[in-house]
Amino acid sequence: MIKKDLRLFFLHEFKLGHNTSQTAANINRAWGEGDINDRTVRRWFPKFRSRDESLEEESRGRSCNLDNEQLKAIAEQNPRQSLREMSQALGVGIATVLCNLQKIGKVKKPDK
């Protein structure tokens, strides 16, 4: 079953006034044991209580958006510079630089 469909069931059960345990039990009874646990439902009910009924999952972590043309120019200017040097030059974190280097196909090659 698609996750978005399950979230619709969560919302339906929430609107019926069921608690998280009842919701998980009802969905498992209808669609098969073990598909849903109480903890999964507990993550969604507070969202519904705050009147946010969107069924899209919020992205987690930081995005790794950066001007890849600028990063590419810096990387090609001096291929031997470290991630730290690039991150300082761009004013972003090391993880962002690494993520975007992978996006543009610049990966560390093993030494010969």
PDB file of N, CA and C in Angstrom:
ATOM      1  N   MET A   1       0.833  -1.175   0.000  1.00  0.00           N
ATOM      2  CA  MET A   1       0.000   0.000   0.000  1.00  0.00           C
ATOM      3  C   MET A   1       0.886   1.248   0.000  1.00  0.00           C
ATOM      4  N   ILE A   2       0.449   2.262  -0.697  1.00  0.00           N
ATOM      5  CA  ILE A   2       1.196   3.515  -0.807  1.00  0.00           C
ATOM      6  C   ILE A   2       1.083   4.290   0.511  1.00  0.00           C
ATOM      7  N   LYS A   3       2.203   4.895   0.927  1.00  0.00           N
ATOM      8  CA  LYS A   3       2.238   5.608   2.201  1.00  0.00           C
ATOM      9  C   LYS A   3       1.196   6.718   2.276  1.00  0.00           C
ATOM     10  N   LYS A   4       0.979   7.397   1.161  1.00  0.00           N
ATOM     11  CA  LYS A   4       0.004   8.489   1.161  1.00  0.00           C
ATOM     12  C   LYS A   4      -1.398   7.947   1.442  1.00  0.00           C
ATOM     13  N   ASP A   5      -1.700   6.744   0.947  1.00  0.00           N
ATOM     14  CA  ASP A   5      -2.997   6.127   1.230  1.00  0.00           C
ATOM     15  C   ASP A   5      -3.138   5.838   2.717  1.00  0.00           C
ATOM     16  N   LEU A   6      -2.073   5.343   3.320  1.00  0.00           N
ATOM     17  CA  LEU A   6      -2.108   5.066   4.762  1.00  0.00           C
ATOM     18  C   LEU A   6      -2.344   6.350   5.549  1.00  0.00           C
ATOM     19  N   ARG A   7      -1.726   7.430   5.119  1.00  0.00           N
ATOM     20  CA  ARG A   7      -1.909   8.709   5.813  1.00  0.00           C
ATOM     21  C   ARG A   7      -3.349   9.182   5.717  1.00  0.00           C
ATOM     22  N   LEU A   8      -3.992   8.880   4.594  1.00  0.00           N
ATOM     23  CA  LEU A   8      -5.405   9.220   4.445  1.00  0.00           C
ATOM     24  C   LEU A   8      -6.239   8.434   5.462  1.00  0.00           C
ATOM     25  N   PHE A   9      -5.898   7.172   5.674  1.00  0.00           N
ATOM     26  CA  PHE A   9      -6.578   6.372   6.696  1.00  0.00           C
ATOM     27  C   PHE A   9      -6.334   6.956   8.082  1.00  0.00           C
ATOM     28  N   PHE A  10      -5.098   7.412   8.340  1.00  0.00           N
ATOM     29  CA  PHE A  10      -4.796   8.039   9.633  1.00  0.00           C
ATOM     30  C   PHE A  10      -5.710   9.243   9.854  1.00  0.00           C
ATOM     31  N   LEU A  11      -5.817  10.079   8.819  1.00  0.00           N
ATOM     32  CA  LEU A  11      -6.647  11.277   8.922  1.00  0.00           C
ATOM     33  C   LEU A  11      -8.105  10.902   9.139  1.00  0.00           C
ATOM     34  N   HIS A  12      -8.576   9.908   8.426  1.00  0.00           N
ATOM     35  CA  HIS A  12      -9.954   9.435   8.572  1.00  0.00           C
ATOM     36  C   HIS A  12     -10.220   8.981  10.008  1.00  0.00           C
ATOM     37  N   GLU A  13      -9.337   8.154  10.525  1.00  0.00           N
ATOM     38  CA  GLU A  13      -9.485   7.654  11.899  1.00  0.00           C
ATOM     39  C   GLU A  13      -9.403   8.807  12.905  1.00  0.00           C
ATOM     40  N   PHE A  14      -8.524   9.776  12.644  1.00  0.00           N
ATOM     41  CA  PHE A  14      -8.396  10.938  13.520  1.00  0.00           C
ATOM     42  C   PHE A  14      -9.713  11.707  13.580  1.00  0.00           C
ATOM     43  N   LYS A  15     -10.324  11.910  12.404  1.00  0.00           N
ATOM     44  CA  LYS A  15     -11.584  12.655  12.340  1.00  0.00           C
ATOM     45  C   LYS A  15     -12.726  11.884  13.004  1.00  0.00           C
ATOM     46  N   LEU A  16     -12.610  10.561  13.044  1.00  0.00           N
ATOM     47  CA  LEU A  16     -13.620   9.761  13.733  1.00  0.00           C
ATOM     48  C   LEU A  16     -13.449   9.822  15.254  1.00  0.00           C
ATOM     49  N   GLY A  17     -12.320  10.379  15.703  1.00  0.00           N
ATOM     50  CA  GLY A  17     -12.079  10.520  17.134  1.00  0.00           C
ATOM     51  C   GLY A  17     -11.371   9.334  17.758  1.00  0.00           C
ATOM     52  N   HIS A  18     -10.806   8.465  16.934  1.00  0.00           N
ATOM     53  CA  HIS A  18     -10.085   7.313  17.474  1.00  0.00           C
ATOM     54  C   HIS A  18      -8.704   7.735  17.942  1.00  0.00           C
ATOM     55  N   ASN A  19      -8.189   7.015  18.942  1.00  0.00           N
ATOM     56  CA  ASN A  19      -6.827   7.307  19.391  1.00  0.00           C
ATOM     57  C   ASN A  19      -5.829   6.534  18.521  1.00  0.00           C
ATOM     58  N   THR A  20      -4.556   6.700  18.791  1.00  0.00           N
ATOM     59  CA  THR A  20      -3.529   6.104  17.933  1.00  0.00           C
ATOM     60  C   THR A  20      -3.552   4.580  17.985  1.00  0.00           C
ATOM     61  N   SER A  21      -3.797   4.019  19.154  1.00  0.00           N
ATOM     62  CA  SER A  21      -3.841   2.551  19.281  1.00  0.00           C
ATOM     63  C   SER A  21      -5.009   1.970  18.503  1.00  0.00           C
ATOM     64  N   GLN A  22      -6.167   2.606  18.630  1.00  0.00           N
ATOM     65  CA  GLN A  22      -7.339   2.142  17.888  1.00  0.00           C
ATOM     66  C   GLN A  22      -7.106   2.262  16.381  1.00  0.00           C
ATOM     67  N   THR A  23      -6.481   3.360  15.975  1.00  0.00           N
ATOM     68  CA  THR A  23      -6.212   3.580  14.560  1.00  0.00           C
ATOM     69  C   THR A  23      -5.315   2.486  14.000  1.00  0.00           C
ATOM     70  N   ALA A  24      -4.218   2.213  14.675  1.00  0.00           N
ATOM     71  CA  ALA A  24      -3.288   1.172  14.219  1.00  0.00           C
ATOM     72  C   ALA A  24      -3.996  -0.181  14.167  1.00  0.00           C
ATOM     73  N   ALA A  25      -4.781  -0.492  15.199  1.00  0.00           N
ATOM     74  CA  ALA A  25      -5.487  -1.775  15.240  1.00  0.00           C
ATOM     75  C   ALA A  25      -6.507  -1.882  14.110  1.00  0.00           C
ATOM     76  N   ASN A  26      -7.244  -0.810  13.853  1.00  0.00           N
ATOM     77  CA  ASN A  26      -8.250  -0.829  12.787  1.00  0.00           C
ATOM     78  C   ASN A  26      -7.612  -1.020  11.407  1.00  0.00           C
ATOM     79  N   ILE A  27      -6.532  -0.319  11.167  1.00  0.00           N
ATOM     80  CA  ILE A  27      -5.868  -0.439   9.861  1.00  0.00           C
ATOM     81  C   ILE A  27      -5.266  -1.828   9.697  1.00  0.00           C
ATOM     82  N   ASN A  28      -4.641  -2.341  10.739  1.00  0.00           N
ATOM     83  CA  ASN A  28      -4.061  -3.688  10.661  1.00  0.00           C
ATOM     84  C   ASN A  28      -5.151  -4.752  10.485  1.00  0.00           C
ATOM     85  N   ARG A  29      -6.289  -4.554  11.122  1.00  0.00           N
ATOM     86  CA  ARG A  29      -7.389  -5.509  10.989  1.00  0.00           C
ATOM     87  C   ARG A  29      -7.908  -5.507   9.547  1.00  0.00           C
ATOM     88  N   ALA A  30      -8.001  -4.335   8.954  1.00  0.00           N
ATOM     89  CA  ALA A  30      -8.552  -4.222   7.597  1.00  0.00           C
ATOM     90  C   ALA A  30      -7.551  -4.596   6.516  1.00  0.00           C
ATOM     91  N   TRP A  31      -6.269  -4.274   6.716  1.00  0.00           N
ATOM     92  CA  TRP A  31      -5.288  -4.417   5.638  1.00  0.00           C
ATOM     93  C   TRP A  31      -4.188  -5.431   5.920  1.00  0.00           C
ATOM     94  N   GLY A  32      -4.227  -6.076   7.050  1.00  0.00           N
ATOM     95  CA  GLY A  32      -3.212  -7.078   7.348  1.00  0.00           C
ATOM     96  C   GLY A  32      -2.368  -6.689   8.543  1.00  0.00           C
ATOM     97  N   GLU A  33      -2.097  -7.671   9.375  1.00  0.00           N
ATOM     98  CA  GLU A  33      -1.313  -7.439  10.587  1.00  0.00           C
ATOM     99  C   GLU A  33       0.095  -6.966  10.259  1.00  0.00           C
ATOM    100  N   GLY A  34       0.583  -6.073  11.075  1.00  0.00           N
ATOM    101  CA  GLY A  34       1.975  -5.649  10.988  1.00  0.00           C
ATOM    102  C   GLY A  34       2.252  -4.534  10.006  1.00  0.00           C
ATOM    103  N   ASP A  35       1.239  -4.067   9.279  1.00  0.00           N
ATOM    104  CA  ASP A  35       1.482  -2.985   8.329  1.00  0.00           C
ATOM    105  C   ASP A  35       1.763  -1.669   9.041  1.00  0.00           C
ATOM    106  N   ILE A  36       1.055  -1.423  10.130  1.00  0.00           N
ATOM    107  CA  ILE A  36       1.150  -0.154  10.835  1.00  0.00           C
ATOM    108  C   ILE A  36       1.370  -0.408  12.323  1.00  0.00           C
ATOM    109  N   ASN A  37       2.221   0.424  12.933  1.00  0.00           N
ATOM    110  CA  ASN A  37       2.351   0.336  14.386  1.00  0.00           C
ATOM    111  C   ASN A  37       1.915   1.663  15.016  1.00  0.00           C
ATOM    112  N   ASP A  38       1.682   1.614  16.297  1.00  0.00           N
ATOM    113  CA  ASP A  38       1.181   2.766  17.036  1.00  0.00           C
ATOM    114  C   ASP A  38       2.119   3.964  16.915  1.00  0.00           C
ATOM    115  N   ARG A  39       3.398   3.724  16.893  1.00  0.00           N
ATOM    116  CA  ARG A  39       4.384   4.811  16.828  1.00  0.00           C
ATOM    117  C   ARG A  39       4.262   5.606  15.524  1.00  0.00           C
ATOM    118  N   THR A  40       3.990   4.926  14.433  1.00  0.00           N
ATOM    119  CA  THR A  40       3.826   5.608  13.149  1.00  0.00           C
ATOM    120  C   THR A  40       2.627   6.546  13.203  1.00  0.00           C
ATOM    121  N   VAL A  41       1.545   6.066  13.750  1.00  0.00           N
ATOM    122  CA  VAL A  41       0.334   6.885  13.854  1.00  0.00           C
ATOM    123  C   VAL A  41       0.577   8.064  14.789  1.00  0.00           C
ATOM    124  N   ARG A  42       1.317   7.836  15.881  1.00  0.00           N
ATOM    125  CA  ARG A  42       1.613   8.906  16.847  1.00  0.00           C
ATOM    126  C   ARG A  42       2.369  10.066  16.223  1.00  0.00           C
ATOM    127  N   ARG A  43       3.132   9.810  15.170  1.00  0.00           N
ATOM    128  CA  ARG A  43       3.854  10.902  14.497  1.00  0.00           C
ATOM    129  C   ARG A  43       2.905  11.811  13.727  1.00  0.00           C
ATOM    130  N   TRP A  44       1.785  11.275  13.240  1.00  0.00           N
ATOM    131  CA  TRP A  44       0.881  12.037  12.382  1.00  0.00           C
ATOM    132  C   TRP A  44      -0.232  12.756  13.154  1.00  0.00           C
ATOM    133  N   PHE A  45      -0.696  12.215  14.252  1.00  0.00           N
ATOM    134  CA  PHE A  45      -1.822  12.820  14.956  1.00  0.00           C
ATOM    135  C   PHE A  45      -1.542  14.243  15.445  1.00  0.00           C
ATOM    136  N   PRO A  46      -0.367  14.555  15.990  1.00  0.00           N
ATOM    137  CA  PRO A  46      -0.122  15.953  16.395  1.00  0.00           C
ATOM    138  C   PRO A  46      -0.218  16.932  15.218  1.00  0.00           C
ATOM    139  N   LYS A  47       0.193  16.474  14.067  1.00  0.00           N
ATOM    140  CA  LYS A  47       0.097  17.311  12.861  1.00  0.00           C
ATOM    141  C   LYS A  47      -1.366  17.602  12.557  1.00  0.00           C
ATOM    142  N   PHE A  48      -2.218  16.582  12.638  1.00  0.00           N
ATOM    143  CA  PHE A  48      -3.642  16.773  12.387  1.00  0.00           C
ATOM    144  C   PHE A  48      -4.274  17.650  13.467  1.00  0.00           C
ATOM    145  N   ARG A  49      -3.835  17.499  14.728  1.00  0.00           N
ATOM    146  CA  ARG A  49      -4.366  18.320  15.817  1.00  0.00           C
ATOM    147  C   ARG A  49      -4.076  19.799  15.596  1.00  0.00           C
ATOM    148  N   SER A  50      -2.951  20.097  14.944  1.00  0.00           N
ATOM    149  CA  SER A  50      -2.595  21.494  14.678  1.00  0.00           C
ATOM    150  C   SER A  50      -3.266  22.021  13.408  1.00  0.00           C
ATOM    151  N   ARG A  51      -4.269  21.295  12.941  1.00  0.00           N
ATOM    152  CA  ARG A  51      -5.079  21.657  11.777  1.00  0.00           C
ATOM    153  C   ARG A  51      -4.321  21.581  10.454  1.00  0.00           C
ATOM    154  N   ASP A  52      -3.215  20.891  10.439  1.00  0.00           N
ATOM    155  CA  ASP A  52      -2.466  20.652   9.199  1.00  0.00           C
ATOM    156  C   ASP A  52      -2.882  19.276   8.686  1.00  0.00           C
ATOM    157  N   GLU A  53      -3.702  19.267   7.649  1.00  0.00           N
ATOM    158  CA  GLU A  53      -4.210  18.011   7.133  1.00  0.00           C
ATOM    159  C   GLU A  53      -3.545  17.596   5.824  1.00  0.00           C
ATOM    160  N   SER A  54      -2.416  18.192   5.509  1.00  0.00           N
ATOM    161  CA  SER A  54      -1.697  17.774   4.311  1.00  0.00           C
ATOM    162  C   SER A  54      -1.123  16.377   4.556  1.00  0.00           C
ATOM    163  N   LEU A  55      -1.085  15.582   3.539  1.00  0.00           N
ATOM    164  CA  LEU A  55      -0.636  14.198   3.675  1.00  0.00           C
ATOM    165  C   LEU A  55       0.792  14.006   3.179  1.00  0.00           C
ATOM    166  N   GLU A  56       1.444  15.102   2.833  1.00  0.00           N
ATOM    167  CA  GLU A  56       2.830  15.033   2.377  1.00  0.00           C
ATOM    168  C   GLU A  56       3.760  14.988   3.572  1.00  0.00           C
ATOM    169  N   GLU A  57       4.781  14.171   3.467  1.00  0.00           N
ATOM    170  CA  GLU A  57       5.758  14.070   4.539  1.00  0.00           C
ATOM    171  C   GLU A  57       6.744  15.215   4.405  1.00  0.00           C
ATOM    172  N   GLU A  58       7.069  15.836   5.521  1.00  0.00           N
ATOM    173  CA  GLU A  58       8.020  16.938   5.512  1.00  0.00           C
ATOM    174  C   GLU A  58       9.423  16.387   5.348  1.00  0.00           C
ATOM    175  N   SER A  59      10.227  17.119   4.585  1.00  0.00           N
ATOM    176  CA  SER A  59      11.594  16.645   4.379  1.00  0.00           C
ATOM    177  C   SER A  59      12.377  16.781   5.674  1.00  0.00           C
ATOM    178  N   ARG A  60      13.287  15.879   5.867  1.00  0.00           N
ATOM    179  CA  ARG A  60      14.111  15.885   7.068  1.00  0.00           C
ATOM    180  C   ARG A  60      15.515  16.329   6.708  1.00  0.00           C
ATOM    181  N   GLY A  61      16.201  16.862   7.683  1.00  0.00           N
ATOM    182  CA  GLY A  61      17.588  17.258   7.476  1.00  0.00           C
ATOM    183  C   GLY A  61      17.688  18.557   6.689  1.00  0.00           C
ATOM    184  N   ARG A  62      18.887  18.892   6.378  1.00  0.00           N
ATOM    185  CA  ARG A  62      19.148  20.126   5.653  1.00  0.00           C
ATOM    186  C   ARG A  62      19.179  19.844   4.169  1.00  0.00           C
ATOM    187  N   SER A  63      18.789  20.828   3.410  1.00  0.00           N
ATOM    188  CA  SER A  63      18.894  20.666   1.967  1.00  0.00           C
ATOM    189  C   SER A  63      20.337  20.956   1.564  1.00  0.00           C
ATOM    190  N   CYS A  64      20.735  20.407   0.454  1.00  0.00           N
ATOM    191  CA  CYS A  64      22.123  20.651   0.024  1.00  0.00           C
ATOM    192  C   CYS A  64      22.102  21.431  -1.284  1.00  0.00           C
ATOM    193  N   ASN A  65      21.396  22.579  -1.247  1.00  0.00           N
ATOM    194  CA  ASN A  65      21.310  23.436  -2.420  1.00  0.00           C
ATOM    195  C   ASN A  65      22.450  24.447  -2.417  1.00  0.00           C
ATOM    196  N   LEU A  66      23.033  24.583  -3.585  1.00  0.00           N
ATOM    197  CA  LEU A  66      24.174  25.464  -3.743  1.00  0.00           C
ATOM    198  C   LEU A  66      24.291  25.762  -5.223  1.00  0.00           C
ATOM    199  N   ASP A  67      24.879  26.878  -5.571  1.00  0.00           N
ATOM    200  CA  ASP A  67      25.105  27.191  -6.983  1.00  0.00           C
ATOM    201  C   ASP A  67      26.199  26.259  -7.499  1.00  0.00           C
ATOM    202  N   ASN A  68      25.775  25.247  -8.233  1.00  0.00           N
ATOM    203  CA  ASN A  68      26.721  24.224  -8.681  1.00  0.00           C
ATOM    204  C   ASN A  68      27.738  24.750  -9.688  1.00  0.00           C
ATOM    205  N   GLU A  69      27.376  25.782 -10.441  1.00  0.00           N
ATOM    206  CA  GLU A  69      28.338  26.365 -11.381  1.00  0.00           C
ATOM    207  C   GLU A  69      29.491  27.018 -10.630  1.00  0.00           C
ATOM    208  N   GLN A  70      29.166  27.701  -9.553  1.00  0.00           N
ATOM    209  CA  GLN A  70      30.194  28.338  -8.724  1.00  0.00           C
ATOM    210  C   GLN A  70      31.072  27.275  -8.069  1.00  0.00           C
ATOM    211  N   LEU A  71      30.445  26.218  -7.562  1.00  0.00           N
ATOM    212  CA  LEU A  71      31.189  25.130  -6.938  1.00  0.00           C
ATOM    213  C   LEU A  71      32.104  24.454  -7.959  1.00  0.00           C
ATOM    214  N   LYS A  72      31.584  24.222  -9.143  1.00  0.00           N
ATOM    215  CA  LYS A  72      32.372  23.579 -10.204  1.00  0.00           C
ATOM    216  C   LYS A  72      33.589  24.438 -10.560  1.00  0.00           C
ATOM    217  N   ALA A  73      33.387  25.748 -10.646  1.00  0.00           N
ATOM    218  CA  ALA A  73      34.492  26.653 -10.968  1.00  0.00           C
ATOM    219  C   ALA A  73      35.568  26.607  -9.879  1.00  0.00           C
ATOM    220  N   ILE A  74      35.153  26.606  -8.623  1.00  0.00           N
ATOM    221  CA  ILE A  74      36.112  26.548  -7.515  1.00  0.00           C
ATOM    222  C   ILE A  74      36.854  25.218  -7.517  1.00  0.00           C
ATOM    223  N   ALA A  75      36.136  24.126  -7.773  1.00  0.00           N
ATOM    224  CA  ALA A  75      36.747  22.800  -7.764  1.00  0.00           C
ATOM    225  C   ALA A  75      37.736  22.636  -8.919  1.00  0.00           C
ATOM    226  N   GLU A  76      37.410  23.190 -10.068  1.00  0.00           N
ATOM    227  CA  GLU A  76      38.304  23.060 -11.224  1.00  0.00           C
ATOM    228  C   GLU A  76      39.487  24.017 -11.137  1.00  0.00           C
ATOM    229  N   GLN A  77      39.306  25.118 -10.440  1.00  0.00           N
ATOM    230  CA  GLN A  77      40.392  26.087 -10.261  1.00  0.00           C
ATOM    231  C   GLN A  77      41.552  25.447  -9.500  1.00  0.00           C
ATOM    232  N   ASN A  78      41.234  24.698  -8.464  1.00  0.00           N
ATOM    233  CA  ASN A  78      42.263  24.016  -7.680  1.00  0.00           C
ATOM    234  C   ASN A  78      41.709  22.668  -7.235  1.00  0.00           C
ATOM    235  N   PRO A  79      41.924  21.614  -8.041  1.00  0.00           N
ATOM    236  CA  PRO A  79      41.354  20.307  -7.724  1.00  0.00           C
ATOM    237  C   PRO A  79      41.896  19.678  -6.442  1.00  0.00           C
ATOM    238  N   ARG A  80      42.991  20.185  -5.907  1.00  0.00           N
ATOM    239  CA  ARG A  80      43.610  19.574  -4.733  1.00  0.00           C
ATOM    240  C   ARG A  80      43.187  20.228  -3.413  1.00  0.00           C
ATOM    241  N   GLN A  81      42.296  21.220  -3.490  1.00  0.00           N
ATOM    242  CA  GLN A  81      41.879  21.869  -2.251  1.00  0.00           C
ATOM    243  C   GLN A  81      40.913  20.983  -1.476  1.00  0.00           C
ATOM    244  N   SER A  82      40.854  21.201  -0.197  1.00  0.00           N
ATOM    245  CA  SER A  82      40.041  20.361   0.681  1.00  0.00           C
ATOM    246  C   SER A  82      38.575  20.819   0.674  1.00  0.00           C
ATOM    247  N   LEU A  83      37.740  19.947   1.190  1.00  0.00           N
ATOM    248  CA  LEU A  83      36.319  20.288   1.335  1.00  0.00           C
ATOM    249  C   LEU A  83      36.159  21.494   2.254  1.00  0.00           C
ATOM    250  N   ARG A  84      36.962  21.532   3.299  1.00  0.00           N
ATOM    251  CA  ARG A  84      36.894  22.649   4.245  1.00  0.00           C
ATOM    252  C   ARG A  84      37.211  23.974   3.550  1.00  0.00           C
ATOM    253  N   GLU A  85      38.231  23.969   2.714  1.00  0.00           N
ATOM    254  CA  GLU A  85      38.587  25.205   1.992  1.00  0.00           C
ATOM    255  C   GLU A  85      37.453  25.635   1.060  1.00  0.00           C
ATOM    256  N   MET A  86      36.857  24.666   0.374  1.00  0.00           N
ATOM    257  CA  MET A  86      35.741  24.999  -0.521  1.00  0.00           C
ATOM    258  C   MET A  86      34.545  25.520   0.272  1.00  0.00           C
ATOM    259  N   SER A  87      34.252  24.894   1.406  1.00  0.00           N
ATOM    260  CA  SER A  87      33.101  25.321   2.195  1.00  0.00           C
ATOM    261  C   SER A  87      33.304  26.729   2.744  1.00  0.00           C
ATOM    262  N   GLN A  88      34.532  27.055   3.129  1.00  0.00           N
ATOM    263  CA  GLN A  88      34.816  28.406   3.620  1.00  0.00           C
ATOM    264  C   GLN A  88      34.695  29.429   2.503  1.00  0.00           C
ATOM    265  N   ALA A  89      35.146  29.072   1.315  1.00  0.00           N
ATOM    266  CA  ALA A  89      35.069  29.990   0.182  1.00  0.00           C
ATOM    267  C   ALA A  89      33.616  30.263  -0.225  1.00  0.00           C
ATOM    268  N   LEU A  90      32.764  29.252  -0.074  1.00  0.00           N
ATOM    269  CA  LEU A  90      31.363  29.391  -0.470  1.00  0.00           C
ATOM    270  C   LEU A  90      30.449  29.826   0.675  1.00  0.00           C
ATOM    271  N   GLY A  91      30.951  29.745   1.891  1.00  0.00           N
ATOM    272  CA  GLY A  91      30.154  30.136   3.043  1.00  0.00           C
ATOM    273  C   GLY A  91      29.048  29.146   3.389  1.00  0.00           C
ATOM    274  N   VAL A  92      29.313  27.860   3.144  1.00  0.00           N
ATOM    275  CA  VAL A  92      28.344  26.803   3.470  1.00  0.00           C
ATOM    276  C   VAL A  92      29.065  25.705   4.230  1.00  0.00           C
ATOM    277  N   GLY A  93      28.314  24.724   4.702  1.00  0.00           N
ATOM    278  CA  GLY A  93      28.904  23.628   5.443  1.00  0.00           C
ATOM    279  C   GLY A  93      29.601  22.612   4.542  1.00  0.00           C
ATOM    280  N   ILE A  94      30.460  21.820   5.160  1.00  0.00           N
ATOM    281  CA  ILE A  94      31.210  20.796   4.436  1.00  0.00           C
ATOM    282  C   ILE A  94      30.268  19.763   3.823  1.00  0.00           C
ATOM    283  N   ALA A  95      29.219  19.391   4.559  1.00  0.00           N
ATOM    284  CA  ALA A  95      28.270  18.393   4.051  1.00  0.00           C
ATOM    285  C   ALA A  95      27.567  18.888   2.799  1.00  0.00           C
ATOM    286  N   THR A  96      27.268  20.193   2.750  1.00  0.00           N
ATOM    287  CA  THR A  96      26.628  20.777   1.565  1.00  0.00           C
ATOM    288  C   THR A  96      27.564  20.708   0.367  1.00  0.00           C
ATOM    289  N   VAL A  97      28.829  21.020   0.588  1.00  0.00           N
ATOM    290  CA  VAL A  97      29.811  20.951  -0.497  1.00  0.00           C
ATOM    291  C   VAL A  97      29.931  19.519  -1.001  1.00  0.00           C
ATOM    292  N   LEU A  98      30.050  18.572  -0.091  1.00  0.00           N
ATOM    293  CA  LEU A  98      30.185  17.162  -0.468  1.00  0.00           C
ATOM    294  C   LEU A  98      28.971  16.688  -1.264  1.00  0.00           C
ATOM    295  N   CYS A  99      27.792  17.023  -0.778  1.00  0.00           N
ATOM    296  CA  CYS A  99      26.549  16.621  -1.455  1.00  0.00           C
ATOM    297  C   CYS A  99      26.506  17.168  -2.881  1.00  0.00           C
ATOM    298  N   ASN A 100      26.851  18.432  -3.044  1.00  0.00           N
ATOM    299  CA  ASN A 100      26.786  19.049  -4.362  1.00  0.00           C
ATOM    300  C   ASN A 100      27.915  18.596  -5.271  1.00  0.00           C
ATOM    301  N   LEU A 101      29.076  18.281  -4.719  1.00  0.00           N
ATOM    302  CA  LEU A 101      30.148  17.711  -5.550  1.00  0.00           C
ATOM    303  C   LEU A 101      29.700  16.378  -6.142  1.00  0.00           C
ATOM    304  N   GLN A 102      28.994  15.594  -5.342  1.00  0.00           N
ATOM    305  CA  GLN A 102      28.483  14.319  -5.845  1.00  0.00           C
ATOM    306  C   GLN A 102      27.440  14.548  -6.926  1.00  0.00           C
ATOM    307  N   LYS A 103      26.614  15.577  -6.781  1.00  0.00           N
ATOM    308  CA  LYS A 103      25.588  15.884  -7.773  1.00  0.00           C
ATOM    309  C   LYS A 103      26.200  16.242  -9.127  1.00  0.00           C
ATOM    310  N   ILE A 104      27.323  16.963  -9.097  1.00  0.00           N
ATOM    311  CA  ILE A 104      27.925  17.378 -10.361  1.00  0.00           C
ATOM    312  C   ILE A 104      28.974  16.384 -10.870  1.00  0.00           C
ATOM    313  N   GLY A 105      29.091  15.262 -10.193  1.00  0.00           N
ATOM    314  CA  GLY A 105      29.974  14.196 -10.673  1.00  0.00           C
ATOM    315  C   GLY A 105      31.429  14.335 -10.292  1.00  0.00           C
ATOM    316  N   LYS A 106      31.717  15.196  -9.366  1.00  0.00           N
ATOM    317  CA  LYS A 106      33.096  15.360  -8.878  1.00  0.00           C
ATOM    318  C   LYS A 106      33.254  14.489  -7.641  1.00  0.00           C
ATOM    319  N   VAL A 107      33.935  13.384  -7.792  1.00  0.00           N
ATOM    320  CA  VAL A 107      34.143  12.470  -6.678  1.00  0.00           C
ATOM    321  C   VAL A 107      35.636  12.240  -6.488  1.00  0.00           C
ATOM    322  N   LYS A 108      36.003  11.926  -5.266  1.00  0.00           N
ATOM    323  CA  LYS A 108      37.421  11.654  -4.976  1.00  0.00           C
ATOM    324  C   LYS A 108      37.824  10.361  -5.636  1.00  0.00           C
ATOM    325  N   LYS A 109      38.903  10.436  -6.370  1.00  0.00           N
ATOM    326  CA  LYS A 109      39.425   9.250  -7.016  1.00  0.00           C
ATOM    327  C   LYS A 109      40.570   8.704  -6.171  1.00  0.00           C
ATOM    328  N   PRO A 110      40.728   7.407  -6.118  1.00  0.00           N
ATOM    329  CA  PRO A 110      41.821   6.819  -5.316  1.00  0.00           C
ATOM    330  C   PRO A 110      43.185   7.280  -5.825  1.00  0.00           C
ATOM    331  N   ASP A 111      44.104   7.467  -4.884  1.00  0.00           N
ATOM    332  CA  ASP A 111      45.471   7.825  -5.261  1.00  0.00           C
ATOM    333  C   ASP A 111      46.121   6.661  -5.985  1.00  0.00           C
ATOM    334  N   LYS A 112      47.049   6.994  -6.895  1.00  0.00           N
ATOM    335  CA  LYS A 112      47.737   5.941  -7.634  1.00  0.00           C
ATOM    336  C   LYS A 112      48.974   5.496  -6.913  1.00  0.00           C
TER     337      LYS A 112
END
